Amino acid sequence: MKRIKHFLKRFIAGLLFGSGITNKIKAAFGLVLISKLSELRFRMKMFGTRHTVIFRTGSDVATWLEVFFDEEYKLPNNFTPKTMIDLGANVGFSSLYFKLRNPSLQLVAVEPDPNNIKLLHLNLADTQNVQIIEGAVSSQEGNEKFYIASKQGMSSSFFVPRQKSETRNVTTYTFDSLLSFLNWQEVDLVKFDIEGAEWKVFEKASTRRVNILIGEYHEYITDQKTEEFIKLFPHHTGKIHRIADKRYIVVLIRK
């Protein structure tokens, strides 16, 4: 039954977001049969805007569903960010979600996994005011060992070596050095999904100039309670939404 619900959700999402009958059919069946395909490409529509999206694996589909179908990063309609940093941009779906919502958004997407970066460029190819940084945020600048899950791009991390994962050194930035590099006086929105590195990244980061942060917190990796994580942001009010066992969406709004 669980497997049927899993595929039914993919099929319905394809029908909902495909742009036109041909793309709806292509998306509905393609999202279900992604494991049989080398690549799935279809034109979707959201916020009144059409855009071509590309998938390689079921991991890409799962990420897309979280962003577009579940709308895990949904924010109030009256909040229109002008600047955004996407930490852990993966293959670009979270960046694309906010760009479709606000095409004039100035966006910086940060992603360390080389298997994701190619698709990240392709999925954001037709958008404007986007800068892609091939690296990761961490507690220090330099290079760090990173575990790359070859067919599970949403699972690559600093901390959790998966079966058949590959180890590489990636360029790292602190959150503060990234802000310094961008030279933005204020950041309207920071999205983060960095597979357990969030405590390490934000423990000593200066987030006073950020209006809203939203992202996934992984208690099962950090071994720190979500309520304790929120205390790292004294200038923000925190909200918590549970999405799975020891996984939460955290929204932090500047006071």
C-alpha atoms as a PDB file:
ATOM      1  CA  MET A   1       0.000   0.000   0.000  1.00  0.00           C
ATOM      2  CA  LYS A   2       2.822   2.400   0.878  1.00  0.00           C
ATOM      3  CA  ARG A   3       4.483   1.735  -2.480  1.00  0.00           C
ATOM      4  CA  ILE A   4       1.214   2.396  -4.336  1.00  0.00           C
ATOM      5  CA  LYS A   5       0.785   5.729  -2.514  1.00  0.00           C
ATOM      6  CA  HIS A   6       4.401   6.576  -3.360  1.00  0.00           C
ATOM      7  CA  PHE A   7       3.868   6.111  -7.109  1.00  0.00           C
ATOM      8  CA  LEU A   8       0.404   7.677  -7.055  1.00  0.00           C
ATOM      9  CA  LYS A   9       1.855  10.863  -5.553  1.00  0.00           C
ATOM     10  CA  ARG A  10       4.396  11.048  -8.396  1.00  0.00           C
ATOM     11  CA  PHE A  11       1.726  10.447 -11.018  1.00  0.00           C
ATOM     12  CA  ILE A  12      -0.593  13.134  -9.603  1.00  0.00           C
ATOM     13  CA  ALA A  13       2.266  15.624  -9.279  1.00  0.00           C
ATOM     14  CA  GLY A  14       3.117  15.128 -12.954  1.00  0.00           C
ATOM     15  CA  LEU A  15      -0.491  15.811 -13.970  1.00  0.00           C
ATOM     16  CA  LEU A  16      -0.635  18.907 -11.763  1.00  0.00           C
ATOM     17  CA  PHE A  17       2.601  20.566 -12.842  1.00  0.00           C
ATOM     18  CA  GLY A  18       3.060  19.516 -16.452  1.00  0.00           C
ATOM     19  CA  SER A  19       2.488  22.439 -18.821  1.00  0.00           C
ATOM     20  CA  GLY A  20      -0.086  21.270 -21.376  1.00  0.00           C
ATOM     21  CA  ILE A  21      -1.523  17.814 -21.950  1.00  0.00           C
ATOM     22  CA  THR A  22       1.605  16.347 -23.589  1.00  0.00           C
ATOM     23  CA  ASN A  23       3.871  17.416 -20.736  1.00  0.00           C
ATOM     24  CA  LYS A  24       1.332  16.289 -18.137  1.00  0.00           C
ATOM     25  CA  ILE A  25       1.316  12.758 -19.551  1.00  0.00           C
ATOM     26  CA  LYS A  26       5.083  12.739 -20.010  1.00  0.00           C
ATOM     27  CA  ALA A  27       5.626  13.947 -16.451  1.00  0.00           C
ATOM     28  CA  ALA A  28       3.061  11.629 -14.835  1.00  0.00           C
ATOM     29  CA  PHE A  29       4.496   8.460 -16.354  1.00  0.00           C
ATOM     30  CA  GLY A  30       8.098   9.663 -16.331  1.00  0.00           C
ATOM     31  CA  LEU A  31       8.133  10.462 -12.617  1.00  0.00           C
ATOM     32  CA  VAL A  32       6.795   6.982 -11.858  1.00  0.00           C
ATOM     33  CA  LEU A  33       9.170   5.215 -14.244  1.00  0.00           C
ATOM     34  CA  ILE A  34      12.274   7.335 -13.560  1.00  0.00           C
ATOM     35  CA  SER A  35      14.327   4.261 -12.558  1.00  0.00           C
ATOM     36  CA  LYS A  36      13.900   2.932 -16.111  1.00  0.00           C
ATOM     37  CA  LEU A  37      15.038   6.192 -17.748  1.00  0.00           C
ATOM     38  CA  SER A  38      18.476   7.691 -18.242  1.00  0.00           C
ATOM     39  CA  GLU A  39      16.923  11.157 -18.074  1.00  0.00           C
ATOM     40  CA  LEU A  40      13.486  12.729 -17.786  1.00  0.00           C
ATOM     41  CA  ARG A  41      12.834  16.192 -19.160  1.00  0.00           C
ATOM     42  CA  PHE A  42       9.495  17.993 -19.277  1.00  0.00           C
ATOM     43  CA  ARG A  43       8.047  21.491 -19.211  1.00  0.00           C
ATOM     44  CA  MET A  44       6.324  22.406 -15.968  1.00  0.00           C
ATOM     45  CA  LYS A  45       4.266  25.399 -14.879  1.00  0.00           C
ATOM     46  CA  MET A  46       4.124  27.087 -11.482  1.00  0.00           C
ATOM     47  CA  PHE A  47       3.333  30.628 -10.344  1.00  0.00           C
ATOM     48  CA  GLY A  48       2.163  31.282 -13.909  1.00  0.00           C
ATOM     49  CA  THR A  49       5.640  30.600 -15.327  1.00  0.00           C
ATOM     50  CA  ARG A  50       6.783  27.699 -17.538  1.00  0.00           C
ATOM     51  CA  HIS A  51      10.199  26.115 -17.185  1.00  0.00           C
ATOM     52  CA  THR A  52      11.883  22.919 -18.384  1.00  0.00           C
ATOM     53  CA  VAL A  53      13.093  20.631 -15.578  1.00  0.00           C
ATOM     54  CA  ILE A  54      15.485  17.694 -15.839  1.00  0.00           C
ATOM     55  CA  PHE A  55      15.752  14.579 -13.633  1.00  0.00           C
ATOM     56  CA  ARG A  56      18.250  11.704 -13.535  1.00  0.00           C
ATOM     57  CA  THR A  57      17.144   9.505 -10.635  1.00  0.00           C
ATOM     58  CA  GLY A  58      14.449   8.849  -8.062  1.00  0.00           C
ATOM     59  CA  SER A  59      16.466  11.007  -5.671  1.00  0.00           C
ATOM     60  CA  ASP A  60      15.904  13.999  -7.972  1.00  0.00           C
ATOM     61  CA  VAL A  61      12.187  13.216  -8.108  1.00  0.00           C
ATOM     62  CA  ALA A  62      11.992  13.015  -4.302  1.00  0.00           C
ATOM     63  CA  THR A  63      13.647  16.426  -3.986  1.00  0.00           C
ATOM     64  CA  TRP A  64      11.342  17.939  -6.613  1.00  0.00           C
ATOM     65  CA  LEU A  65       8.260  16.574  -4.827  1.00  0.00           C
ATOM     66  CA  GLU A  66       9.389  18.042  -1.495  1.00  0.00           C
ATOM     67  CA  VAL A  67       9.874  21.452  -3.081  1.00  0.00           C
ATOM     68  CA  PHE A  68       6.988  21.749  -5.559  1.00  0.00           C
ATOM     69  CA  PHE A  69       4.311  19.266  -4.447  1.00  0.00           C
ATOM     70  CA  ASP A  70       4.756  19.423  -0.651  1.00  0.00           C
ATOM     71  CA  GLU A  71       5.979  23.060  -0.791  1.00  0.00           C
ATOM     72  CA  GLU A  72       8.232  22.549   2.216  1.00  0.00           C
ATOM     73  CA  TYR A  73       9.732  26.009   1.665  1.00  0.00           C
ATOM     74  CA  LYS A  74       6.454  27.867   1.304  1.00  0.00           C
ATOM     75  CA  LEU A  75       6.582  31.362   2.803  1.00  0.00           C
ATOM     76  CA  PRO A  76       3.924  34.064   3.266  1.00  0.00           C
ATOM     77  CA  ASN A  77       2.658  35.498  -0.030  1.00  0.00           C
ATOM     78  CA  ASN A  78       3.487  39.024   1.116  1.00  0.00           C
ATOM     79  CA  PHE A  79       7.180  38.138   1.534  1.00  0.00           C
ATOM     80  CA  THR A  80       8.999  38.876  -1.717  1.00  0.00           C
ATOM     81  CA  PRO A  81      12.753  38.438  -1.246  1.00  0.00           C
ATOM     82  CA  LYS A  82      15.138  40.432  -3.413  1.00  0.00           C
ATOM     83  CA  THR A  83      18.250  38.447  -2.433  1.00  0.00           C
ATOM     84  CA  MET A  84      18.630  34.771  -1.580  1.00  0.00           C
ATOM     85  CA  ILE A  85      21.362  32.247  -0.778  1.00  0.00           C
ATOM     86  CA  ASP A  86      20.546  28.579  -1.393  1.00  0.00           C
ATOM     87  CA  LEU A  87      22.849  26.416   0.742  1.00  0.00           C
ATOM     88  CA  GLY A  88      22.792  22.863  -0.526  1.00  0.00           C
ATOM     89  CA  ALA A  89      21.150  23.744  -3.836  1.00  0.00           C
ATOM     90  CA  ASN A  90      21.256  20.103  -4.990  1.00  0.00           C
ATOM     91  CA  VAL A  91      20.051  19.991  -8.634  1.00  0.00           C
ATOM     92  CA  GLY A  92      18.373  23.389  -8.452  1.00  0.00           C
ATOM     93  CA  PHE A  93      14.741  22.755  -7.570  1.00  0.00           C
ATOM     94  CA  SER A  94      14.608  24.919  -4.433  1.00  0.00           C
ATOM     95  CA  SER A  95      16.373  27.749  -6.272  1.00  0.00           C
ATOM     96  CA  LEU A  96      13.967  27.332  -9.181  1.00  0.00           C
ATOM     97  CA  TYR A  97      10.937  27.372  -6.844  1.00  0.00           C
ATOM     98  CA  PHE A  98      11.854  30.832  -5.579  1.00  0.00           C
ATOM     99  CA  LYS A  99      12.927  32.102  -9.004  1.00  0.00           C
ATOM    100  CA  LEU A 100       9.601  31.102 -10.563  1.00  0.00           C
ATOM    101  CA  ARG A 101       7.838  32.821  -7.674  1.00  0.00           C
ATOM    102  CA  ASN A 102       9.945  35.972  -8.113  1.00  0.00           C
ATOM    103  CA  PRO A 103      11.896  36.131 -11.424  1.00  0.00           C
ATOM    104  CA  SER A 104      13.789  39.295 -10.411  1.00  0.00           C
ATOM    105  CA  LEU A 105      15.267  37.567  -7.345  1.00  0.00           C
ATOM    106  CA  GLN A 106      19.063  37.817  -7.105  1.00  0.00           C
ATOM    107  CA  LEU A 107      20.126  34.308  -6.128  1.00  0.00           C
ATOM    108  CA  VAL A 108      23.338  32.523  -5.156  1.00  0.00           C
ATOM    109  CA  ALA A 109      23.205  28.708  -5.236  1.00  0.00           C
ATOM    110  CA  VAL A 110      25.908  26.806  -3.320  1.00  0.00           C
ATOM    111  CA  GLU A 111      26.424  23.098  -4.045  1.00  0.00           C
ATOM    112  CA  PRO A 112      29.469  20.828  -3.465  1.00  0.00           C
ATOM    113  CA  ASP A 113      28.409  17.539  -5.096  1.00  0.00           C
ATOM    114  CA  PRO A 114      29.889  17.357  -8.619  1.00  0.00           C
ATOM    115  CA  ASN A 115      27.178  14.883  -9.640  1.00  0.00           C
ATOM    116  CA  ASN A 116      24.555  17.528  -8.840  1.00  0.00           C
ATOM    117  CA  ILE A 117      26.361  20.563 -10.224  1.00  0.00           C
ATOM    118  CA  LYS A 118      25.909  19.715 -13.905  1.00  0.00           C
ATOM    119  CA  LEU A 119      22.155  19.311 -13.465  1.00  0.00           C
ATOM    120  CA  LEU A 120      22.038  22.407 -11.260  1.00  0.00           C
ATOM    121  CA  HIS A 121      23.424  24.459 -14.164  1.00  0.00           C
ATOM    122  CA  LEU A 122      20.952  22.888 -16.606  1.00  0.00           C
ATOM    123  CA  ASN A 123      17.899  23.379 -14.390  1.00  0.00           C
ATOM    124  CA  LEU A 124      18.750  27.042 -13.839  1.00  0.00           C
ATOM    125  CA  ALA A 125      20.023  27.708 -17.374  1.00  0.00           C
ATOM    126  CA  ASP A 126      17.090  29.903 -18.443  1.00  0.00           C
ATOM    127  CA  THR A 127      16.986  32.019 -15.277  1.00  0.00           C
ATOM    128  CA  GLN A 128      18.555  35.435 -14.753  1.00  0.00           C
ATOM    129  CA  ASN A 129      20.551  36.901 -11.833  1.00  0.00           C
ATOM    130  CA  VAL A 130      21.770  33.495 -10.638  1.00  0.00           C
ATOM    131  CA  GLN A 131      25.301  32.724  -9.460  1.00  0.00           C
ATOM    132  CA  ILE A 132      26.370  29.133  -8.815  1.00  0.00           C
ATOM    133  CA  ILE A 133      29.193  28.498  -6.347  1.00  0.00           C
ATOM    134  CA  GLU A 134      30.719  25.024  -6.545  1.00  0.00           C
ATOM    135  CA  GLY A 135      31.569  24.415  -2.915  1.00  0.00           C
ATOM    136  CA  ALA A 136      30.081  23.949   0.548  1.00  0.00           C
ATOM    137  CA  VAL A 137      29.476  25.946   3.696  1.00  0.00           C
ATOM    138  CA  SER A 138      31.235  24.682   6.793  1.00  0.00           C
ATOM    139  CA  SER A 139      32.761  25.925  10.052  1.00  0.00           C
ATOM    140  CA  GLN A 140      36.039  26.757   8.311  1.00  0.00           C
ATOM    141  CA  GLU A 141      37.385  27.920   4.977  1.00  0.00           C
ATOM    142  CA  GLY A 142      39.595  25.654   2.904  1.00  0.00           C
ATOM    143  CA  ASN A 143      39.011  22.043   1.877  1.00  0.00           C
ATOM    144  CA  GLU A 144      37.203  19.204   3.616  1.00  0.00           C
ATOM    145  CA  LYS A 145      36.450  15.549   3.008  1.00  0.00           C
ATOM    146  CA  PHE A 146      32.988  15.101   1.518  1.00  0.00           C
ATOM    147  CA  TYR A 147      31.017  11.891   0.950  1.00  0.00           C
ATOM    148  CA  ILE A 148      29.291  11.777  -2.439  1.00  0.00           C
ATOM    149  CA  ALA A 149      26.406   9.353  -2.922  1.00  0.00           C
ATOM    150  CA  SER A 150      26.572   8.663  -6.659  1.00  0.00           C
ATOM    151  CA  LYS A 151      22.868   7.923  -7.224  1.00  0.00           C
ATOM    152  CA  GLN A 152      21.447   9.685  -4.172  1.00  0.00           C
ATOM    153  CA  GLY A 153      22.424  13.322  -4.699  1.00  0.00           C
ATOM    154  CA  MET A 154      20.186  14.469  -1.861  1.00  0.00           C
ATOM    155  CA  SER A 155      22.214  12.313   0.589  1.00  0.00           C
ATOM    156  CA  SER A 156      25.766  13.531  -0.029  1.00  0.00           C
ATOM    157  CA  SER A 157      27.262  15.023   3.134  1.00  0.00           C
ATOM    158  CA  PHE A 158      30.272  15.674   5.356  1.00  0.00           C
ATOM    159  CA  PHE A 159      29.120  13.182   7.965  1.00  0.00           C
ATOM    160  CA  VAL A 160      27.311  10.147   6.606  1.00  0.00           C
ATOM    161  CA  PRO A 161      29.203   7.871   4.229  1.00  0.00           C
ATOM    162  CA  ARG A 162      26.591   5.873   2.308  1.00  0.00           C
ATOM    163  CA  GLN A 163      26.981   2.511   0.608  1.00  0.00           C
ATOM    164  CA  LYS A 164      29.000   2.989  -2.581  1.00  0.00           C
ATOM    165  CA  SER A 165      29.718   6.613  -1.671  1.00  0.00           C
ATOM    166  CA  GLU A 166      32.795   8.324  -3.058  1.00  0.00           C
ATOM    167  CA  THR A 167      35.099  10.551  -1.007  1.00  0.00           C
ATOM    168  CA  ARG A 168      36.334  13.862  -2.397  1.00  0.00           C
ATOM    169  CA  ASN A 169      37.783  17.060  -1.037  1.00  0.00           C
ATOM    170  CA  VAL A 170      35.548  20.073  -1.665  1.00  0.00           C
ATOM    171  CA  THR A 171      36.135  23.805  -1.322  1.00  0.00           C
ATOM    172  CA  THR A 172      34.525  25.178   1.844  1.00  0.00           C
ATOM    173  CA  TYR A 173      33.402  28.615   2.988  1.00  0.00           C
ATOM    174  CA  THR A 174      32.124  29.800   6.323  1.00  0.00           C
ATOM    175  CA  PHE A 175      28.749  31.503   6.261  1.00  0.00           C
ATOM    176  CA  ASP A 176      30.410  34.791   7.230  1.00  0.00           C
ATOM    177  CA  SER A 177      33.096  34.526   4.534  1.00  0.00           C
ATOM    178  CA  LEU A 178      30.375  33.814   1.969  1.00  0.00           C
ATOM    179  CA  LEU A 179      28.493  36.962   3.002  1.00  0.00           C
ATOM    180  CA  SER A 180      31.728  38.917   2.859  1.00  0.00           C
ATOM    181  CA  PHE A 181      32.459  37.614  -0.640  1.00  0.00           C
ATOM    182  CA  LEU A 182      28.980  38.550  -1.868  1.00  0.00           C
ATOM    183  CA  ASN A 183      29.216  41.997  -0.234  1.00  0.00           C
ATOM    184  CA  TRP A 184      25.474  42.138   0.418  1.00  0.00           C
ATOM    185  CA  GLN A 185      24.408  44.549   3.138  1.00  0.00           C
ATOM    186  CA  GLU A 186      21.351  42.428   3.843  1.00  0.00           C
ATOM    187  CA  VAL A 187      20.102  38.987   2.796  1.00  0.00           C
ATOM    188  CA  ASP A 188      16.356  38.564   2.515  1.00  0.00           C
ATOM    189  CA  LEU A 189      16.325  34.758   2.458  1.00  0.00           C
ATOM    190  CA  VAL A 190      18.664  31.873   3.233  1.00  0.00           C
ATOM    191  CA  LYS A 191      17.495  28.355   2.444  1.00  0.00           C
ATOM    192  CA  PHE A 192      19.567  25.473   3.828  1.00  0.00           C
ATOM    193  CA  ASP A 193      19.502  21.719   3.323  1.00  0.00           C
ATOM    194  CA  ILE A 194      23.048  20.649   4.110  1.00  0.00           C
ATOM    195  CA  GLU A 195      22.572  17.126   5.467  1.00  0.00           C
ATOM    196  CA  GLY A 196      23.521  17.632   9.109  1.00  0.00           C
ATOM    197  CA  ALA A 197      26.146  20.358   8.650  1.00  0.00           C
ATOM    198  CA  GLU A 198      23.649  23.012   9.777  1.00  0.00           C
ATOM    199  CA  TRP A 199      24.771  23.001  13.414  1.00  0.00           C
ATOM    200  CA  LYS A 200      28.416  23.204  12.416  1.00  0.00           C
ATOM    201  CA  VAL A 201      27.718  26.030   9.942  1.00  0.00           C
ATOM    202  CA  PHE A 202      25.492  28.240  12.079  1.00  0.00           C
ATOM    203  CA  GLU A 203      26.954  27.657  15.552  1.00  0.00           C
ATOM    204  CA  LYS A 204      29.244  30.694  15.223  1.00  0.00           C
ATOM    205  CA  ALA A 205      27.778  32.367  12.131  1.00  0.00           C
ATOM    206  CA  SER A 206      26.593  35.957  12.112  1.00  0.00           C
ATOM    207  CA  THR A 207      23.006  35.880  10.836  1.00  0.00           C
ATOM    208  CA  ARG A 208      21.831  39.267  12.075  1.00  0.00           C
ATOM    209  CA  ARG A 209      21.641  40.631   8.504  1.00  0.00           C
ATOM    210  CA  VAL A 210      19.401  37.778   7.311  1.00  0.00           C
ATOM    211  CA  ASN A 211      15.653  38.453   7.311  1.00  0.00           C
ATOM    212  CA  ILE A 212      14.426  34.850   6.996  1.00  0.00           C
ATOM    213  CA  LEU A 213      16.155  31.470   7.134  1.00  0.00           C
ATOM    214  CA  ILE A 214      14.298  28.299   6.178  1.00  0.00           C
ATOM    215  CA  GLY A 215      15.694  24.815   5.929  1.00  0.00           C
ATOM    216  CA  GLU A 216      15.858  21.203   6.938  1.00  0.00           C
ATOM    217  CA  TYR A 217      17.237  20.273  10.327  1.00  0.00           C
ATOM    218  CA  HIS A 218      18.537  16.727  10.836  1.00  0.00           C
ATOM    219  CA  GLU A 219      18.443  15.764  14.508  1.00  0.00           C
ATOM    220  CA  TYR A 220      19.520  12.212  13.694  1.00  0.00           C
ATOM    221  CA  ILE A 221      22.829  13.530  12.302  1.00  0.00           C
ATOM    222  CA  THR A 222      23.608  16.512  14.550  1.00  0.00           C
ATOM    223  CA  ASP A 223      22.497  14.722  17.748  1.00  0.00           C
ATOM    224  CA  GLN A 224      21.214  18.108  18.944  1.00  0.00           C
ATOM    225  CA  LYS A 225      17.562  18.953  19.550  1.00  0.00           C
ATOM    226  CA  THR A 226      15.852  21.295  17.105  1.00  0.00           C
ATOM    227  CA  GLU A 227      14.942  23.642  19.972  1.00  0.00           C
ATOM    228  CA  GLU A 228      18.651  23.988  20.776  1.00  0.00           C
ATOM    229  CA  PHE A 229      19.418  24.745  17.134  1.00  0.00           C
ATOM    230  CA  ILE A 230      16.934  27.630  17.188  1.00  0.00           C
ATOM    231  CA  LYS A 231      18.821  29.135  20.140  1.00  0.00           C
ATOM    232  CA  LEU A 232      21.774  29.706  17.785  1.00  0.00           C
ATOM    233  CA  PHE A 233      19.691  32.526  16.244  1.00  0.00           C
ATOM    234  CA  PRO A 234      19.021  35.053  19.059  1.00  0.00           C
ATOM    235  CA  HIS A 235      17.863  37.713  16.581  1.00  0.00           C
ATOM    236  CA  HIS A 236      15.199  35.455  15.055  1.00  0.00           C
ATOM    237  CA  THR A 237      11.936  33.829  16.083  1.00  0.00           C
ATOM    238  CA  GLY A 238      11.805  30.134  15.241  1.00  0.00           C
ATOM    239  CA  LYS A 239       9.028  27.860  14.021  1.00  0.00           C
ATOM    240  CA  ILE A 240       9.315  24.073  13.672  1.00  0.00           C
ATOM    241  CA  HIS A 241       7.469  21.683  11.362  1.00  0.00           C
ATOM    242  CA  ARG A 242       8.135  17.933  11.614  1.00  0.00           C
ATOM    243  CA  ILE A 243       8.448  16.183   8.232  1.00  0.00           C
ATOM    244  CA  ALA A 244       9.841  12.806   9.348  1.00  0.00           C
ATOM    245  CA  ASP A 245      11.392  11.096  12.341  1.00  0.00           C
ATOM    246  CA  LYS A 246      14.040  13.501  13.671  1.00  0.00           C
ATOM    247  CA  ARG A 247      13.774  15.666  10.513  1.00  0.00           C
ATOM    248  CA  TYR A 248      12.220  19.116  10.664  1.00  0.00           C
ATOM    249  CA  ILE A 249      11.647  22.201   8.574  1.00  0.00           C
ATOM    250  CA  VAL A 250      12.792  25.210  10.590  1.00  0.00           C
ATOM    251  CA  VAL A 251      11.696  28.781   9.791  1.00  0.00           C
ATOM    252  CA  LEU A 252      13.615  31.624  11.434  1.00  0.00           C
ATOM    253  CA  ILE A 253      12.208  35.156  11.061  1.00  0.00           C
ATOM    254  CA  ARG A 254      14.185  38.197  12.147  1.00  0.00           C
ATOM    255  CA  LYS A 255      12.608  39.987  15.119  1.00  0.00           C
END
